[in-house]
C-alpha atoms as a PDB file:
ATOM      1  CA  MET A   1     -28.312 -71.896 -22.174  1.00  0.00           C
ATOM      2  CA  SER A   2     -25.405 -73.632 -20.453  1.00  0.00           C
ATOM      3  CA  VAL A   3     -21.953 -72.199 -19.936  1.00  0.00           C
ATOM      4  CA  PRO A   4     -19.198 -74.349 -21.451  1.00  0.00           C
ATOM      5  CA  ALA A   5     -16.831 -75.914 -18.941  1.00  0.00           C
ATOM      6  CA  TRP A   6     -13.351 -74.477 -18.667  1.00  0.00           C
ATOM      7  CA  GLU A   7     -10.750 -76.453 -20.561  1.00  0.00           C
ATOM      8  CA  ARG A   8      -7.023 -76.401 -20.140  1.00  0.00           C
ATOM      9  CA  PRO A   9      -5.321 -74.879 -23.205  1.00  0.00           C
ATOM     10  CA  ALA A  10      -3.398 -77.273 -25.432  1.00  0.00           C
ATOM     11  CA  THR A  11      -0.206 -75.212 -25.077  1.00  0.00           C
ATOM     12  CA  PRO A  12       0.711 -72.952 -22.155  1.00  0.00           C
ATOM     13  CA  CYS A  13       0.526 -69.223 -22.766  1.00  0.00           C
ATOM     14  CA  VAL A  14       4.114 -68.170 -22.064  1.00  0.00           C
ATOM     15  CA  GLU A  15       5.105 -64.654 -22.948  1.00  0.00           C
ATOM     16  CA  GLU A  16       8.731 -64.096 -23.936  1.00  0.00           C
ATOM     17  CA  ALA A  17      10.612 -61.501 -21.906  1.00  0.00           C
ATOM     18  CA  LEU A  18      12.022 -58.508 -23.780  1.00  0.00           C
ATOM     19  CA  SER A  19      14.472 -57.582 -21.038  1.00  0.00           C
ATOM     20  CA  ALA A  20      15.503 -58.856 -17.619  1.00  0.00           C
ATOM     21  CA  SER A  21      17.733 -57.667 -14.815  1.00  0.00           C
ATOM     22  CA  CYS A  22      18.378 -58.553 -11.193  1.00  0.00           C
ATOM     23  CA  VAL A  23      18.367 -56.109  -8.299  1.00  0.00           C
ATOM     24  CA  VAL A  24      19.778 -56.675  -4.803  1.00  0.00           C
ATOM     25  CA  GLU A  25      18.113 -54.800  -1.924  1.00  0.00           C
ATOM     26  CA  GLN A  26      18.442 -54.999   1.837  1.00  0.00           C
ATOM     27  CA  GLU A  27      15.243 -55.834   3.727  1.00  0.00           C
ATOM     28  CA  HIS A  28      14.984 -56.546   7.452  1.00  0.00           C
ATOM     29  CA  GLY A  29      18.671 -57.438   7.779  1.00  0.00           C
ATOM     30  CA  ARG A  30      18.665 -59.806   4.770  1.00  0.00           C
ATOM     31  CA  TRP A  31      19.867 -59.183   1.222  1.00  0.00           C
ATOM     32  CA  VAL A  32      17.069 -59.966  -1.228  1.00  0.00           C
ATOM     33  CA  VAL A  33      17.503 -60.709  -4.948  1.00  0.00           C
ATOM     34  CA  TYR A  34      14.668 -59.561  -7.239  1.00  0.00           C
ATOM     35  CA  LEU A  35      14.230 -60.353 -10.926  1.00  0.00           C
ATOM     36  CA  ASP A  36      12.736 -57.481 -12.942  1.00  0.00           C
ATOM     37  CA  ALA A  37      11.392 -58.593 -16.323  1.00  0.00           C
ATOM     38  CA  ILE A  38       9.894 -56.491 -19.108  1.00  0.00           C
ATOM     39  CA  LEU A  39       7.207 -58.276 -21.115  1.00  0.00           C
ATOM     40  CA  ALA A  40       5.123 -57.015 -24.022  1.00  0.00           C
ATOM     41  CA  SER A  41       2.136 -56.850 -21.644  1.00  0.00           C
ATOM     42  CA  GLY A  42       4.014 -54.989 -18.866  1.00  0.00           C
ATOM     43  CA  ALA A  43       6.682 -55.322 -16.203  1.00  0.00           C
ATOM     44  CA  VAL A  44       6.929 -57.913 -13.445  1.00  0.00           C
ATOM     45  CA  ARG A  45       9.109 -58.213 -10.351  1.00  0.00           C
ATOM     46  CA  ARG A  46       9.718 -61.576  -8.705  1.00  0.00           C
ATOM     47  CA  ARG A  47      11.573 -62.289  -5.483  1.00  0.00           C
ATOM     48  CA  VAL A  48      14.197 -64.883  -6.364  1.00  0.00           C
ATOM     49  CA  GLY A  49      15.865 -65.422  -2.995  1.00  0.00           C
ATOM     50  CA  ASP A  50      17.425 -63.883   0.088  1.00  0.00           C
ATOM     51  CA  HIS A  51      20.889 -64.200   1.629  1.00  0.00           C
ATOM     52  CA  HIS A  52      22.566 -63.256   4.881  1.00  0.00           C
ATOM     53  CA  ASP A  53      25.272 -61.084   3.288  1.00  0.00           C
ATOM     54  CA  GLU A  54      25.543 -58.807   0.277  1.00  0.00           C
ATOM     55  CA  ARG A  55      28.407 -60.698  -1.363  1.00  0.00           C
ATOM     56  CA  ARG A  56      26.407 -63.922  -1.618  1.00  0.00           C
ATOM     57  CA  ALA A  57      23.328 -62.057  -2.839  1.00  0.00           C
ATOM     58  CA  LEU A  58      25.318 -60.305  -5.586  1.00  0.00           C
ATOM     59  CA  HIS A  59      26.862 -63.600  -6.640  1.00  0.00           C
ATOM     60  CA  ALA A  60      23.444 -65.277  -6.833  1.00  0.00           C
ATOM     61  CA  ALA A  61      22.032 -62.278  -8.734  1.00  0.00           C
ATOM     62  CA  ARG A  62      24.849 -62.429 -11.326  1.00  0.00           C
ATOM     63  CA  ILE A  63      24.280 -66.147 -11.910  1.00  0.00           C
ATOM     64  CA  PHE A  64      20.504 -65.810 -12.119  1.00  0.00           C
ATOM     65  CA  GLU A  65      20.636 -62.774 -14.423  1.00  0.00           C
ATOM     66  CA  ARG A  66      23.149 -64.440 -16.739  1.00  0.00           C
ATOM     67  CA  ASN A  67      20.961 -67.551 -17.044  1.00  0.00           C
ATOM     68  CA  VAL A  68      17.789 -65.552 -17.650  1.00  0.00           C
ATOM     69  CA  ARG A  69      19.423 -63.334 -20.274  1.00  0.00           C
ATOM     70  CA  ARG A  70      20.692 -66.411 -22.109  1.00  0.00           C
ATOM     71  CA  THR A  71      17.124 -67.340 -23.059  1.00  0.00           C
ATOM     72  CA  ILE A  72      16.111 -63.853 -24.271  1.00  0.00           C
ATOM     73  CA  THR A  73      16.455 -63.357 -28.034  1.00  0.00           C
ATOM     74  CA  VAL A  74      16.267 -59.524 -27.978  1.00  0.00           C
ATOM     75  CA  PRO A  75      19.659 -57.736 -27.589  1.00  0.00           C
ATOM     76  CA  GLN A  76      20.237 -56.640 -23.968  1.00  0.00           C
ATOM     77  CA  GLU A  77      22.008 -53.679 -22.409  1.00  0.00           C
ATOM     78  CA  PRO A  78      24.912 -54.492 -20.042  1.00  0.00           C
ATOM     79  CA  SER A  79      24.133 -55.645 -16.507  1.00  0.00           C
ATOM     80  CA  ARG A  80      23.900 -53.003 -13.757  1.00  0.00           C
ATOM     81  CA  LEU A  81      25.290 -55.374 -11.122  1.00  0.00           C
ATOM     82  CA  PRO A  82      28.823 -54.518  -9.934  1.00  0.00           C
ATOM     83  CA  GLN A  83      31.505 -56.745 -11.385  1.00  0.00           C
ATOM     84  CA  PRO A  84      33.411 -58.913  -8.889  1.00  0.00           C
ATOM     85  CA  GLU A  85      37.095 -58.203  -8.423  1.00  0.00           C
ATOM     86  CA  PRO A  86      39.436 -60.545 -10.310  1.00  0.00           C
ATOM     87  CA  LEU A  87      40.447 -63.636  -8.366  1.00  0.00           C
ATOM     88  CA  SER A  88      44.157 -62.742  -8.652  1.00  0.00           C
ATOM     89  CA  VAL A  89      43.518 -59.460  -6.790  1.00  0.00           C
ATOM     90  CA  ALA A  90      41.471 -61.173  -4.094  1.00  0.00           C
ATOM     91  CA  LEU A  91      44.168 -63.825  -3.535  1.00  0.00           C
ATOM     92  CA  SER A  92      47.023 -61.288  -3.409  1.00  0.00           C
ATOM     93  CA  ARG A  93      45.322 -59.225  -0.672  1.00  0.00           C
ATOM     94  CA  PRO A  94      47.059 -59.696   2.715  1.00  0.00           C
ATOM     95  CA  ALA A  95      45.247 -61.728   5.346  1.00  0.00           C
ATOM     96  CA  ASP A  96      43.423 -59.957   8.153  1.00  0.00           C
ATOM     97  CA  PRO A  97      45.914 -59.702  11.076  1.00  0.00           C
ATOM     98  CA  GLU A  98      43.083 -60.006  13.623  1.00  0.00           C
ATOM     99  CA  GLY A  99      42.025 -63.349  12.210  1.00  0.00           C
ATOM    100  CA  PRO A 100      38.584 -64.400  10.963  1.00  0.00           C
ATOM    101  CA  ARG A 101      35.593 -62.430  12.172  1.00  0.00           C
ATOM    102  CA  PRO A 102      32.585 -64.205  13.664  1.00  0.00           C
END
């Protein structure tokens, strides 16, 4: 009795996410962005990227989370990432008198 050879499925088995969120954590001096996704079969965490400062990591996490949530058809709860300050507030802040920091 021979075992049938493995065959590639005609369509990929892709499971739709029920929920997704991004988390920013500091590891070894770098800020790492993780994607946490809830699937019907369980939860998964994927490392999306790492950055040298928290501001850039939060910005990347917001963009990534927004794009991932756009493809999910189930209603989502609001993001847990902190909202950036409005650009008008950031531009009206006085410049640092000591100049730019290295």
